[in-house]
């Protein structure tokens, strides 16, 4: 089936709620029907057709979103398993929110709450992401619950906050409070990590190339280990076109720390040593 191309025709300083696209795909609306839908842009009510053009059918499995800006929020909202959405520009907040099994490829940067409430699928960011990557909506207690997020740049503060399941891969640096209140899942990176890592972490795994500079006191050193399951994890990390492919597929020697002990947490912080 041919590709569907959606293009932002007019830039605006106001936020654009892109949830209309996810709902149109779920309702199996035609392109003509979708263009008649209304949007609230600032104080004005406009139709989708006044802001966007659509070439092709939304029923296509391959959708291209062009000329986006950081004003575009909720790009890829609830993207279903049958869809691949590729975005050639920057996007705003909540990109990939509640992703439901599809693949969202973003060629530039995203703002905060990327992948929040994600359930399944793959989210690839070729630039940087903001705060609360894979986290929960503000005021809620359920973060990312499945799927894979790959960031080829850096991620901000509170990466994986309240994360429940899934995999977050960051080739660069991660900000402060990584894995805060984490319940389960795996976070790994190839750069540095900020302060207060794993605060109030209950379970889950953090896999890092080196010990954080300000190692929190709420972790207990459990010694050096050969962990066989890391071979399986490395196989998953190396599946994607990223710097993680440079990791040796048989590495599994780590220094293991347990925490957050202040909340009787059983999360593990693993540091590569071999």
Protein backbone atom coordinates (compact mmCIF):
# COMPACT_ATOMS: atom_id res chain seq x y z
CA UNK A 1 0.00 0.00 0.00
CA UNK A 2 1.34 3.45 -0.91
CA UNK A 3 2.57 5.94 1.66
CA UNK A 4 0.33 8.62 3.14
CA UNK A 5 1.96 12.04 3.57
CA UNK A 6 0.62 14.62 6.03
CA UNK A 7 2.17 18.09 5.87
CA UNK A 8 1.85 21.03 8.24
CA UNK A 9 0.96 23.95 5.98
CA UNK A 10 1.03 26.84 8.41
CA UNK A 11 3.26 27.35 11.47
CA UNK A 12 1.67 28.73 14.61
CA UNK A 13 2.88 29.90 18.00
CA UNK A 14 -0.06 28.06 19.59
CA UNK A 15 -0.07 24.40 20.58
CA UNK A 16 -1.46 21.90 18.04
CA UNK A 17 -3.11 18.82 19.54
CA UNK A 18 -2.22 15.95 17.17
CA UNK A 19 -4.53 13.44 18.81
CA UNK A 20 -6.87 13.98 15.86
CA UNK A 21 -4.55 11.82 13.76
CA UNK A 22 -4.60 8.86 16.15
CA UNK A 23 -8.38 9.04 16.45
CA UNK A 24 -8.83 9.29 12.68
CA UNK A 25 -6.74 6.15 12.16
CA UNK A 26 -8.61 4.25 14.87
CA UNK A 27 -11.98 5.29 13.40
CA UNK A 28 -10.78 4.37 9.88
CA UNK A 29 -11.86 7.73 8.51
CA UNK A 30 -11.05 8.72 4.94
CA UNK A 31 -8.68 11.60 4.23
CA UNK A 32 -11.58 13.82 3.12
CA UNK A 33 -13.53 13.11 6.30
CA UNK A 34 -10.48 13.79 8.44
CA UNK A 35 -9.80 17.17 6.79
CA UNK A 36 -13.26 18.33 7.90
CA UNK A 37 -12.58 17.67 11.59
CA UNK A 38 -12.20 20.72 13.80
CA UNK A 39 -9.21 21.71 15.95
CA UNK A 40 -8.80 24.32 18.65
CA UNK A 41 -5.73 26.45 17.85
CA UNK A 42 -5.39 29.10 20.53
CA UNK A 43 -8.77 30.85 20.67
CA UNK A 44 -9.72 29.85 17.12
CA UNK A 45 -11.59 26.80 15.90
CA UNK A 46 -10.29 25.59 12.53
CA UNK A 47 -10.58 22.46 10.42
CA UNK A 48 -7.71 20.01 9.98
CA UNK A 49 -7.67 20.96 6.28
CA UNK A 50 -6.86 24.59 7.12
CA UNK A 51 -3.66 23.55 8.89
CA UNK A 52 -2.63 20.27 7.21
CA UNK A 53 -2.66 18.66 3.80
CA UNK A 54 -3.11 14.90 3.37
CA UNK A 55 -1.88 13.04 0.29
CA UNK A 56 -2.86 9.38 0.16
CA UNK A 57 -5.02 7.21 2.38
CA UNK A 58 -4.83 7.14 6.18
CA UNK A 59 -5.45 3.41 5.94
CA UNK A 60 -1.87 3.06 4.65
CA UNK A 61 0.50 1.31 7.04
CA UNK A 62 3.28 3.81 6.21
CA UNK A 63 2.55 7.43 7.17
CA UNK A 64 4.91 10.42 6.80
CA UNK A 65 4.40 13.58 8.87
CA UNK A 66 6.30 16.56 7.45
CA UNK A 67 7.30 20.09 8.47
CA UNK A 68 6.35 19.61 12.11
CA UNK A 69 7.52 21.96 14.87
CA UNK A 70 7.73 21.81 18.66
CA UNK A 71 4.17 23.21 18.70
CA UNK A 72 2.88 19.76 17.66
CA UNK A 73 1.91 17.77 20.77
CA UNK A 74 0.73 14.14 21.01
CA UNK A 75 2.36 13.07 17.74
CA UNK A 76 1.87 9.30 17.44
CA UNK A 77 -0.80 9.20 20.15
CA UNK A 78 -2.14 5.63 20.57
CA UNK A 79 -0.44 4.57 17.33
CA UNK A 80 -1.75 1.04 16.61
CA UNK A 81 0.35 -2.02 15.79
CA UNK A 82 -0.35 -1.86 12.05
CA UNK A 83 1.16 1.62 11.57
CA UNK A 84 4.63 3.09 11.01
CA UNK A 85 4.66 6.87 11.50
CA UNK A 86 7.81 8.76 10.44
CA UNK A 87 8.24 12.42 11.43
CA UNK A 88 10.88 14.50 9.65
CA UNK A 89 11.01 17.41 12.09
CA UNK A 90 10.91 18.41 15.76
CA UNK A 91 7.83 17.61 17.83
CA UNK A 92 6.40 18.89 21.09
CA UNK A 93 5.20 17.25 24.30
CA UNK A 94 3.64 13.77 24.68
CA UNK A 95 5.06 12.28 21.47
CA UNK A 96 4.23 8.57 21.38
CA UNK A 97 1.87 8.88 24.35
CA UNK A 98 0.00 5.62 24.95
CA UNK A 99 1.70 4.07 21.91
CA UNK A 100 -0.26 0.89 21.30
CA UNK A 101 2.09 -1.28 19.24
CA UNK A 102 3.06 0.73 16.16
CA UNK A 103 6.45 2.22 15.34
CA UNK A 104 7.08 5.95 15.68
CA UNK A 105 10.28 7.33 14.11
CA UNK A 106 11.18 10.95 14.95
CA UNK A 107 14.10 12.40 13.02
CA UNK A 108 14.75 15.35 15.36
CA UNK A 109 14.10 16.34 19.01
CA UNK A 110 11.08 15.92 21.28
CA UNK A 111 9.97 17.88 24.33
CA UNK A 112 8.71 16.49 27.67
CA UNK A 113 6.62 13.38 28.44
CA UNK A 114 7.69 11.48 25.33
CA UNK A 115 6.36 7.91 25.43
CA UNK A 116 4.32 8.55 28.57
CA UNK A 117 1.88 5.75 29.30
CA UNK A 118 3.34 3.77 26.37
CA UNK A 119 1.94 0.23 26.18
CA UNK A 120 3.74 -1.51 23.30
CA UNK A 121 5.64 -0.89 20.07
CA UNK A 122 8.84 0.96 19.20
CA UNK A 123 9.66 4.66 19.56
CA UNK A 124 12.90 5.86 17.95
CA UNK A 125 14.16 9.42 18.48
CA UNK A 126 17.15 10.43 16.36
CA UNK A 127 17.71 13.59 18.39
CA UNK A 128 17.25 14.43 22.08
CA UNK A 129 14.23 13.99 24.33
CA UNK A 130 13.02 16.17 27.18
CA UNK A 131 12.05 15.33 30.76
CA UNK A 132 9.87 12.39 31.89
CA UNK A 133 10.77 10.13 28.97
CA UNK A 134 8.71 6.94 29.37
CA UNK A 135 7.07 8.38 32.46
CA UNK A 136 3.48 8.97 33.53
CA UNK A 137 1.06 11.78 32.81
CA UNK A 138 1.36 14.50 35.43
CA UNK A 139 -0.61 13.46 38.50
CA UNK A 140 -0.91 9.81 37.46
CA UNK A 141 1.01 6.80 38.80
CA UNK A 142 1.42 4.56 35.74
CA UNK A 143 4.36 5.22 33.47
CA UNK A 144 5.56 3.25 30.47
CA UNK A 145 4.11 -0.30 30.58
CA UNK A 146 5.76 -1.97 27.59
CA UNK A 147 7.59 -1.56 24.31
CA UNK A 148 10.99 -0.06 23.48
CA UNK A 149 12.24 3.54 23.39
CA UNK A 150 15.55 4.32 21.67
CA UNK A 151 17.00 7.84 21.99
CA UNK A 152 20.07 8.45 19.82
CA UNK A 153 20.92 11.66 21.68
CA UNK A 154 20.37 12.64 25.32
CA UNK A 155 17.32 12.43 27.57
CA UNK A 156 16.28 14.86 30.29
CA UNK A 157 15.41 14.57 33.97
CA UNK A 158 13.07 11.91 35.42
CA UNK A 159 13.69 9.43 32.60
CA UNK A 160 11.61 6.31 33.35
CA UNK A 161 9.73 7.92 36.24
CA UNK A 162 7.09 5.43 37.48
CA UNK A 163 8.07 3.04 34.69
CA UNK A 164 6.34 -0.36 34.98
CA UNK A 165 7.68 -2.41 32.09
CA UNK A 166 9.61 -2.13 28.83
CA UNK A 167 13.04 -0.96 27.69
CA UNK A 168 14.56 2.54 27.43
CA UNK A 169 17.87 2.90 25.54
CA UNK A 170 19.77 6.23 25.47
CA UNK A 171 23.03 6.41 23.52
CA UNK A 172 24.00 9.69 25.19
CA UNK A 173 23.52 11.18 28.65
CA UNK A 174 20.54 10.97 31.02
CA UNK A 175 19.59 13.81 33.38
CA UNK A 176 18.79 13.83 37.09
CA UNK A 177 16.36 11.49 38.89
CA UNK A 178 16.65 8.70 36.30
CA UNK A 179 14.39 5.73 37.21
CA UNK A 180 12.74 7.65 40.06
CA UNK A 181 9.84 5.66 41.56
CA UNK A 182 10.51 2.93 38.99
CA UNK A 183 8.40 -0.22 39.49
CA UNK A 184 9.85 -2.50 36.78
CA UNK A 185 11.52 -2.42 33.37
CA UNK A 186 15.04 -1.72 32.07
CA UNK A 187 16.93 1.52 31.41
CA UNK A 188 20.39 1.62 29.85
CA UNK A 189 22.70 4.22 28.32
CA UNK A 190 26.22 4.74 26.98
CA UNK A 191 26.92 8.16 28.52
CA UNK A 192 26.62 9.71 31.96
CA UNK A 193 23.71 9.90 34.42
CA UNK A 194 22.79 12.84 36.66
CA UNK A 195 22.17 12.96 40.40
CA UNK A 196 19.60 11.08 42.54
CA UNK A 197 19.49 8.05 40.27
CA UNK A 198 16.85 5.47 41.19
CA UNK A 199 15.31 7.46 44.02
CA UNK A 200 12.37 5.48 45.48
CA UNK A 201 13.01 2.74 42.93
CA UNK A 202 11.10 -0.45 43.82
CA UNK A 203 12.21 -2.91 41.13
CA UNK A 204 13.72 -2.92 37.66
CA UNK A 205 17.20 -2.76 36.16
CA UNK A 206 19.59 0.11 35.40
CA UNK A 207 22.52 -0.91 33.19
CA UNK A 208 25.26 1.73 32.94
CA UNK A 209 28.79 1.97 31.52
CA UNK A 210 30.22 3.57 34.66
CA UNK A 211 29.37 4.37 38.27
CA UNK A 212 27.51 7.71 38.68
CA UNK A 213 29.73 10.48 40.07
CA UNK A 214 27.39 11.12 43.00
CA UNK A 215 26.44 7.56 43.90
CA UNK A 216 23.42 7.68 46.25
CA UNK A 217 23.79 6.23 49.75
CA UNK A 218 20.57 4.23 49.38
CA UNK A 219 22.26 1.55 47.23
CA UNK A 220 23.85 -1.54 48.72
CA UNK A 221 26.95 -2.98 47.04
CA UNK A 222 26.29 -6.66 46.22
CA UNK A 223 29.66 -7.44 44.61
CA UNK A 224 30.67 -8.60 41.16
CA UNK A 225 28.59 -11.06 39.16
CA UNK A 226 28.34 -12.90 35.85
CA UNK A 227 24.68 -12.51 34.88
CA UNK A 228 23.64 -14.86 32.11
CA UNK A 229 20.44 -12.99 31.26
CA UNK A 230 22.52 -10.03 30.06
CA UNK A 231 23.33 -12.03 26.93
CA UNK A 232 19.63 -11.98 26.06
CA UNK A 233 19.37 -8.28 26.89
CA UNK A 234 22.38 -7.47 24.70
CA UNK A 235 20.76 -9.36 21.84
CA UNK A 236 17.76 -7.03 22.18
CA UNK A 237 19.92 -3.88 22.45
CA UNK A 238 21.89 -4.78 19.33
CA UNK A 239 18.76 -5.26 17.19
CA UNK A 240 18.47 -1.54 16.52
CA UNK A 241 20.64 0.71 14.34
CA UNK A 242 22.47 2.57 17.10
CA UNK A 243 25.73 2.77 19.02
CA UNK A 244 24.53 -0.12 21.19
CA UNK A 245 25.60 -2.41 18.36
CA UNK A 246 29.20 -1.77 19.40
CA UNK A 247 28.64 -3.67 22.67
CA UNK A 248 30.13 -7.16 22.65
CA UNK A 249 27.27 -9.71 22.48
CA UNK A 250 28.75 -11.86 25.27
CA UNK A 251 29.43 -9.18 27.90
CA UNK A 252 27.84 -10.09 31.23
CA UNK A 253 30.31 -9.20 34.01
CA UNK A 254 28.93 -6.42 36.21
CA UNK A 255 29.18 -4.75 39.60
CA UNK A 256 25.72 -5.02 41.17
CA UNK A 257 24.05 -2.59 43.58
CA UNK A 258 20.63 -3.07 45.19
CA UNK A 259 18.19 -0.29 46.03
CA UNK A 260 16.48 1.98 46.85
CA UNK A 261 17.05 0.46 50.31
CA UNK A 262 15.26 3.39 52.00
CA UNK A 263 11.97 2.05 50.62
CA UNK A 264 13.00 -1.64 50.77
CA UNK A 265 13.43 -1.53 47.01
CA UNK A 266 14.75 -4.51 45.05
CA UNK A 267 15.86 -2.61 41.96
CA UNK A 268 19.34 -3.29 40.62
CA UNK A 269 21.99 -0.90 39.35
CA UNK A 270 24.47 -2.76 37.16
CA UNK A 271 27.83 -1.30 36.10
CA UNK A 272 29.79 -2.94 33.29
CA UNK A 273 33.21 -4.22 34.41
CA UNK A 274 33.92 -6.77 31.68
